[in-house]
Amino acid sequence: MKKVWFNRWFSVAYHYMNSIRNNEDGVQFKMYGTHPDRSHMALQAADFADTEPVLGDDDYVEFALNFCKKHGIDVFIPRLHMYAIAKHIDAFESVGTKVTVCRDLELLENLLEKQKFYEAIREKNILAIPDYHVVNTADEFISAYEVTSGAGHQVCMKPTNAEGGMGFRIISNKRDTLSDLFGTVTPYLSTDQAYQILSSVDRFDDLMVMELLNGYEYSIDCLATASGELLAAVPRRKADGRLRLLEEVPELIEIANQVAATYRIPFNYNIQVKYNEGVPKLLEINPRMSGGLHVTCLSGINFPYLAVKSILGRHVDVQKPNYGILASHIEKYIIMDLGE
């Protein structure tokens, strides 16, 4: 029986552990999960769950190595401290643990920092990137806002190293602030509000001020071999509300093929694009399973398991997804198992 460990992940790791466990080949796995919060949802799918410490990069790598040795972990699927773990990939392999992480450290660093990857991919001419500026002071923010809005764009901002929607704000001076106050929470800020907040410090971490993309948003979930050979690419569109549509979009599948051929990213990764005036523009590429990958698995492709199968040295065929699937979800209560 193979042992698979997820360290501090999002709650959707609950689905990924179950996808690996309930695989189509009937292979037996024991799932391990750790998180600083012992009641975290992801741990409910683990056969063995434990609390992990909050540590810096080097200390965390030492903890992870010891965990792998102690439990005989065969496959480690990291999210937290991914770059630090990748730097010590040989140490993990020396204790018999394979790690589903990109070995190209320069590429991985660029993928984790949006600005660096934007600059790297710009010259490749694979897909368009939004107009953007990286700022570190409130005055630089105002200048970037004026240039971007002056080019005819609506403006938004997001930290260069943020995951998902964290830190994302839309800059708008046409909002009714009182209505916003009494309504649902919104991502909108006026330029004055943003400037006031950013002025509270002399300098802040890299913040990307960029054009707001108003078209459809797609996540292209990709599966590749350890050497980066693309095995599947499924565009998943954010439809209204909670709806998600698995849609065959030839130009997005071609983008995925070009990204794979150029960068050879291994295992599971995710290309996020959003359209503006009919042009798909890059938001980011996440070198890990996406937060919505369990939806994409409805295409008939077991992305988490096939990545594990591949890293364990077993052959995985090029996949043929089912498209035209419209999906949503509802909450379901479960009784939590918090161990002893």
Protein backbone atom coordinates (compact mmCIF):
# COMPACT_ATOMS: atom_id res chain seq x y z
CA MET A 1 0.00 0.00 0.00
CA LYS A 2 1.42 3.38 -1.06
CA LYS A 3 1.39 6.33 1.32
CA VAL A 4 0.54 9.82 0.06
CA TRP A 5 0.97 13.00 2.14
CA PHE A 6 -0.71 16.38 1.65
CA ASN A 7 0.80 19.10 3.82
CA ARG A 8 -1.03 22.36 4.53
CA TRP A 9 -3.51 22.55 1.67
CA PHE A 10 -6.82 24.21 0.92
CA SER A 11 -10.00 22.49 2.08
CA VAL A 12 -10.49 21.06 -1.44
CA ALA A 13 -7.66 18.61 -0.69
CA TYR A 14 -10.53 16.64 0.89
CA HIS A 15 -11.70 15.88 -2.66
CA TYR A 16 -8.21 15.18 -3.98
CA MET A 17 -7.45 12.63 -1.28
CA ASN A 18 -10.71 10.86 -2.05
CA SER A 19 -9.99 10.96 -5.80
CA ILE A 20 -6.67 9.21 -5.23
CA ARG A 21 -8.20 6.72 -2.80
CA ASN A 22 -11.15 5.91 -5.08
CA ASN A 23 -9.05 5.44 -8.21
CA GLU A 24 -10.14 3.53 -11.28
CA ASP A 25 -7.27 1.01 -11.04
CA GLY A 26 -8.21 -0.17 -7.56
CA VAL A 27 -4.75 0.70 -6.21
CA GLN A 28 -4.68 0.90 -2.42
CA PHE A 29 -3.42 4.10 -0.78
CA LYS A 30 -3.10 5.38 2.74
CA MET A 31 -3.70 9.14 2.84
CA TYR A 32 -1.80 11.41 5.23
CA GLY A 33 -2.78 15.02 5.92
CA THR A 34 -1.31 17.73 8.14
CA HIS A 35 -2.39 21.28 8.89
CA PRO A 36 -1.82 23.75 11.75
CA ASP A 37 -5.58 23.59 12.36
CA ARG A 38 -6.45 20.04 13.43
CA SER A 39 -10.11 20.68 12.58
CA HIS A 40 -9.33 21.75 9.01
CA MET A 41 -11.66 20.24 6.42
CA ALA A 42 -8.89 18.71 4.32
CA LEU A 43 -7.90 16.41 7.17
CA GLN A 44 -11.31 14.75 7.21
CA ALA A 45 -10.33 12.70 4.17
CA ALA A 46 -7.02 11.55 5.64
CA ASP A 47 -6.46 8.08 7.07
CA PHE A 48 -3.79 9.65 9.27
CA ALA A 49 -4.16 13.31 10.27
CA ASP A 50 -1.93 15.42 12.45
CA THR A 51 -1.17 19.00 13.39
CA GLU A 52 1.84 20.47 11.63
CA PRO A 53 3.96 23.30 13.07
CA VAL A 54 4.16 26.83 11.67
CA LEU A 55 7.79 27.22 10.60
CA GLY A 56 10.06 29.13 8.24
CA ASP A 57 11.33 27.55 5.02
CA ASP A 58 14.44 25.74 6.28
CA ASP A 59 12.87 24.48 9.50
CA TYR A 60 9.80 23.35 7.58
CA VAL A 61 11.89 21.34 5.12
CA GLU A 62 13.52 19.60 8.07
CA PHE A 63 10.08 18.86 9.55
CA ALA A 64 8.84 17.53 6.20
CA LEU A 65 11.85 15.27 5.72
CA ASN A 66 11.44 13.86 9.19
CA PHE A 67 7.73 13.31 8.59
CA CYS A 68 8.44 11.43 5.37
CA LYS A 69 11.07 9.24 7.05
CA LYS A 70 8.94 8.54 10.10
CA HIS A 71 5.85 7.52 8.13
CA GLY A 72 7.49 6.02 5.05
CA ILE A 73 5.77 8.46 2.68
CA ASP A 74 5.91 7.35 -0.96
CA VAL A 75 4.45 10.50 -2.57
CA PHE A 76 4.48 14.00 -1.07
CA ILE A 77 2.05 16.53 -2.63
CA PRO A 78 3.09 19.91 -1.19
CA ARG A 79 1.43 23.29 -1.38
CA LEU A 80 2.96 25.16 1.54
CA HIS A 81 6.71 25.96 1.19
CA MET A 82 6.72 24.50 -2.31
CA TYR A 83 9.85 26.33 -3.48
CA ALA A 84 11.88 25.47 -0.38
CA ILE A 85 10.87 21.82 -0.73
CA ALA A 86 11.83 21.81 -4.42
CA LYS A 87 15.31 23.10 -3.52
CA HIS A 88 15.82 19.95 -1.43
CA ILE A 89 14.18 17.45 -3.76
CA ASP A 90 17.23 15.15 -3.66
CA ALA A 91 16.99 14.91 0.12
CA PHE A 92 13.40 13.68 -0.14
CA GLU A 93 14.25 11.17 -2.83
CA SER A 94 17.12 9.87 -0.69
CA VAL A 95 14.56 8.78 1.93
CA GLY A 96 12.34 7.16 -0.71
CA THR A 97 9.80 9.99 -1.13
CA LYS A 98 8.79 11.28 -4.56
CA VAL A 99 7.55 14.89 -4.59
CA THR A 100 5.02 16.26 -7.09
CA VAL A 101 6.77 19.58 -7.58
CA CYS A 102 8.44 21.38 -10.48
CA ARG A 103 12.19 20.69 -10.38
CA ASP A 104 13.10 23.72 -12.50
CA LEU A 105 13.76 26.16 -9.65
CA GLU A 106 13.98 29.26 -11.84
CA LEU A 107 10.68 28.42 -13.53
CA LEU A 108 9.02 27.58 -10.21
CA GLU A 109 10.15 30.88 -8.69
CA ASN A 110 8.78 32.75 -11.70
CA LEU A 111 5.46 30.91 -11.52
CA LEU A 112 5.08 31.81 -7.85
CA GLU A 113 5.77 35.51 -8.56
CA LYS A 114 3.34 36.84 -11.17
CA GLN A 115 5.50 39.76 -12.25
CA LYS A 116 8.48 37.54 -12.99
CA PHE A 117 6.42 35.13 -15.04
CA TYR A 118 4.66 37.91 -16.94
CA GLU A 119 8.03 39.22 -18.05
CA ALA A 120 9.29 35.74 -18.90
CA ILE A 121 6.26 34.75 -20.97
CA ARG A 122 5.87 38.09 -22.74
CA GLU A 123 8.72 37.30 -25.15
CA LYS A 124 7.41 33.80 -25.89
CA ASN A 125 4.31 35.13 -27.68
CA ILE A 126 2.18 32.26 -26.37
CA LEU A 127 -0.67 34.40 -25.10
CA ALA A 128 -1.37 38.01 -24.25
CA ILE A 129 -0.77 39.46 -20.81
CA PRO A 130 -2.70 42.37 -19.28
CA ASP A 131 -1.25 45.87 -19.12
CA TYR A 132 0.27 46.14 -15.66
CA HIS A 133 2.64 48.01 -13.37
CA VAL A 134 4.25 46.79 -10.15
CA VAL A 135 4.27 49.36 -7.35
CA ASN A 136 5.64 49.61 -3.80
CA THR A 137 4.44 53.03 -2.62
CA ALA A 138 1.15 54.92 -2.55
CA ASP A 139 2.48 57.53 -5.00
CA GLU A 140 3.58 54.79 -7.41
CA PHE A 141 0.06 53.37 -7.14
CA ILE A 142 -1.48 56.69 -8.20
CA SER A 143 0.90 56.99 -11.13
CA ALA A 144 0.18 53.43 -12.27
CA TYR A 145 -3.56 54.00 -11.91
CA GLU A 146 -3.40 57.14 -14.05
CA VAL A 147 -1.37 55.46 -16.79
CA THR A 148 -3.59 52.37 -16.88
CA SER A 149 -6.90 54.26 -16.78
CA GLY A 150 -5.49 56.76 -19.28
CA ALA A 151 -5.01 53.86 -21.71
CA GLY A 152 -8.76 53.27 -21.53
CA HIS A 153 -8.76 50.40 -19.06
CA GLN A 154 -10.70 49.79 -15.91
CA VAL A 155 -8.17 49.19 -13.16
CA CYS A 156 -7.67 46.47 -10.55
CA MET A 157 -4.83 45.46 -8.23
CA LYS A 158 -3.48 42.32 -6.63
CA PRO A 159 -0.31 41.31 -4.74
CA THR A 160 2.14 39.59 -7.09
CA ASN A 161 2.48 36.51 -4.87
CA ALA A 162 -1.17 36.10 -3.80
CA GLU A 163 -3.12 32.89 -4.36
CA GLY A 164 -6.63 32.81 -5.73
CA GLY A 165 -8.62 35.97 -5.07
CA MET A 166 -6.59 37.07 -2.06
CA GLY A 167 -5.84 40.80 -2.16
CA PHE A 168 -7.75 41.39 -5.40
CA ARG A 169 -9.51 44.76 -5.57
CA ILE A 170 -11.22 46.72 -8.34
CA ILE A 171 -10.55 50.46 -8.41
CA SER A 172 -13.71 52.41 -9.15
CA ASN A 173 -14.67 56.00 -8.38
CA LYS A 174 -18.29 55.56 -9.50
CA ARG A 175 -19.54 53.44 -6.63
CA ASP A 176 -22.20 54.51 -4.16
CA THR A 177 -20.14 53.94 -1.00
CA LEU A 178 -23.20 54.04 1.27
CA SER A 179 -24.94 51.37 -0.80
CA ASP A 180 -21.75 49.32 -0.70
CA LEU A 181 -21.59 49.70 3.07
CA PHE A 182 -25.12 48.39 3.57
CA GLY A 183 -24.92 45.79 0.81
CA THR A 184 -22.89 42.64 0.34
CA VAL A 185 -19.13 42.78 0.73
CA THR A 186 -17.55 43.93 -2.53
CA PRO A 187 -14.00 44.05 -3.93
CA TYR A 188 -14.35 47.72 -4.88
CA LEU A 189 -12.20 50.59 -3.64
CA SER A 190 -11.98 54.18 -4.83
CA THR A 191 -8.57 55.62 -5.70
CA ASP A 192 -8.78 57.79 -2.56
CA GLN A 193 -9.56 54.78 -0.36
CA ALA A 194 -6.74 52.74 -1.88
CA TYR A 195 -4.28 55.62 -1.58
CA GLN A 196 -5.21 56.23 2.05
CA ILE A 197 -4.69 52.57 2.94
CA LEU A 198 -1.42 52.27 1.02
CA SER A 199 -0.15 55.53 2.52
CA SER A 200 -0.24 53.99 5.99
CA VAL A 201 3.24 52.59 5.33
CA ASP A 202 6.28 53.96 3.52
CA ARG A 203 6.64 50.86 1.33
CA PHE A 204 4.69 47.65 0.85
CA ASP A 205 5.30 44.34 -0.90
CA ASP A 206 4.97 44.16 -4.68
CA LEU A 207 1.47 45.12 -5.77
CA MET A 208 0.36 44.69 -9.37
CA VAL A 209 -1.85 47.48 -10.77
CA MET A 210 -3.37 46.20 -13.99
CA GLU A 211 -6.18 46.38 -16.50
CA LEU A 212 -9.41 44.79 -15.38
CA LEU A 213 -10.46 41.95 -17.68
CA ASN A 214 -14.22 41.89 -18.15
CA GLY A 215 -14.83 38.76 -20.22
CA TYR A 216 -15.20 35.09 -19.36
CA GLU A 217 -12.66 33.59 -16.96
CA TYR A 218 -11.28 30.12 -17.60
CA SER A 219 -9.11 27.78 -15.59
CA ILE A 220 -7.34 25.31 -17.87
CA ASP A 221 -6.55 22.33 -15.67
CA CYS A 222 -3.55 20.44 -17.01
CA LEU A 223 -2.06 17.02 -16.37
CA ALA A 224 1.47 16.17 -17.45
CA THR A 225 4.10 13.50 -16.94
CA ALA A 226 7.15 14.04 -14.74
CA SER A 227 8.99 15.29 -17.84
CA GLY A 228 6.19 17.73 -18.73
CA GLU A 229 4.50 15.85 -21.56
CA LEU A 230 0.91 17.09 -21.67
CA LEU A 231 -1.67 14.37 -21.08
CA ALA A 232 -4.81 16.48 -20.61
CA ALA A 233 -5.97 20.10 -20.72
CA VAL A 234 -9.57 20.90 -19.81
CA PRO A 235 -10.91 24.48 -19.86
CA ARG A 236 -13.31 25.18 -17.00
CA ARG A 237 -15.34 28.39 -17.32
CA LYS A 238 -16.69 30.37 -14.42
CA ALA A 239 -20.35 30.73 -15.36
CA ASP A 240 -23.04 32.53 -13.36
CA GLY A 241 -22.78 32.23 -9.59
CA ARG A 242 -21.66 28.74 -8.64
CA LEU A 243 -22.00 27.30 -12.12
CA ARG A 244 -18.92 25.89 -13.85
CA LEU A 245 -18.84 24.72 -17.46
CA LEU A 246 -16.31 22.25 -18.83
CA GLU A 247 -15.98 23.60 -22.34
CA GLU A 248 -13.95 22.58 -25.37
CA VAL A 249 -12.31 25.83 -26.50
CA PRO A 250 -9.72 25.11 -29.22
CA GLU A 251 -7.69 28.30 -28.74
CA LEU A 252 -7.36 27.62 -24.99
CA ILE A 253 -6.36 24.01 -25.56
CA GLU A 254 -3.75 25.23 -28.04
CA ILE A 255 -2.45 27.69 -25.43
CA ALA A 256 -2.12 24.78 -22.99
CA ASN A 257 -0.18 22.80 -25.60
CA GLN A 258 2.18 25.73 -26.20
CA VAL A 259 2.70 26.30 -22.46
CA ALA A 260 3.46 22.59 -22.01
CA ALA A 261 5.90 22.51 -24.93
CA THR A 262 7.68 25.66 -23.73
CA TYR A 263 7.88 25.13 -19.96
CA ARG A 264 7.45 21.38 -19.40
CA ILE A 265 5.63 21.86 -16.09
CA PRO A 266 5.08 18.44 -14.50
CA PHE A 267 2.07 16.73 -12.92
CA ASN A 268 -0.97 18.93 -12.12
CA TYR A 269 -1.01 22.63 -12.93
CA ASN A 270 -3.51 25.27 -13.86
CA ILE A 271 -3.49 28.09 -16.43
CA GLN A 272 -5.88 30.91 -15.56
CA VAL A 273 -6.95 33.27 -18.31
CA LYS A 274 -9.63 35.89 -18.69
CA TYR A 275 -10.98 37.41 -21.86
CA ASN A 276 -11.07 41.11 -22.64
CA GLU A 277 -12.57 42.25 -25.94
CA GLY A 278 -12.34 38.74 -27.34
CA VAL A 279 -8.68 38.19 -26.38
CA PRO A 280 -7.70 35.65 -23.70
CA LYS A 281 -5.12 37.19 -21.37
CA LEU A 282 -3.05 35.44 -18.75
CA LEU A 283 -3.92 35.83 -15.08
CA GLU A 284 -1.49 33.26 -13.68
CA ILE A 285 -0.17 29.74 -13.90
CA ASN A 286 -0.34 27.76 -10.66
CA PRO A 287 2.21 24.90 -10.47
CA ARG A 288 -0.15 22.76 -8.39
CA MET A 289 -3.68 21.41 -8.38
CA SER A 290 -6.19 24.24 -8.71
CA GLY A 291 -8.91 25.01 -6.20
CA GLY A 292 -11.56 23.83 -8.66
CA LEU A 293 -9.85 20.72 -9.99
CA HIS A 294 -12.44 18.43 -8.40
CA VAL A 295 -15.00 20.01 -10.74
CA THR A 296 -12.79 19.35 -13.76
CA CYS A 297 -12.56 15.70 -12.69
CA LEU A 298 -16.21 15.43 -13.77
CA SER A 299 -14.75 15.32 -17.29
CA GLY A 300 -13.89 11.69 -16.55
CA ILE A 301 -10.22 12.37 -15.85
CA ASN A 302 -8.96 11.63 -12.34
CA PHE A 303 -6.30 14.36 -12.32
CA PRO A 304 -4.98 13.83 -8.76
CA TYR A 305 -4.65 10.07 -9.05
CA LEU A 306 -3.08 10.11 -12.52
CA ALA A 307 -0.37 12.51 -11.32
CA VAL A 308 0.43 10.11 -8.47
CA LYS A 309 0.34 7.17 -10.88
CA SER A 310 2.78 8.97 -13.17
CA ILE A 311 5.29 9.91 -10.46
CA LEU A 312 5.25 6.30 -9.25
CA GLY A 313 6.53 5.31 -12.68
CA ARG A 314 3.40 3.80 -14.17
CA HIS A 315 2.34 4.69 -17.72
CA VAL A 316 -0.53 7.15 -18.14
CA ASP A 317 -2.20 7.51 -21.54
CA VAL A 318 -3.16 10.80 -23.15
CA GLN A 319 -6.63 11.50 -21.79
CA LYS A 320 -9.89 12.17 -23.64
CA PRO A 321 -12.13 14.44 -21.55
CA ASN A 322 -15.89 14.75 -21.74
CA TYR A 323 -17.01 18.31 -22.43
CA GLY A 324 -20.29 20.19 -22.20
CA ILE A 325 -20.67 19.42 -18.50
CA LEU A 326 -22.35 22.14 -16.43
CA ALA A 327 -21.77 21.69 -12.70
CA SER A 328 -22.50 23.34 -9.38
CA HIS A 329 -22.41 22.39 -5.71
CA ILE A 330 -24.30 22.66 -2.44
CA GLU A 331 -23.00 22.53 1.13
CA LYS A 332 -23.19 19.29 3.07
CA TYR A 333 -22.63 18.98 6.79
CA ILE A 334 -20.42 16.21 8.12
CA ILE A 335 -19.50 15.23 11.66
CA MET A 336 -15.84 16.10 12.21
CA ASP A 337 -13.29 13.53 13.32
CA LEU A 338 -10.70 15.36 15.41
CA GLY A 339 -8.76 12.30 16.47
CA GLU A 340 -7.81 11.64 20.03
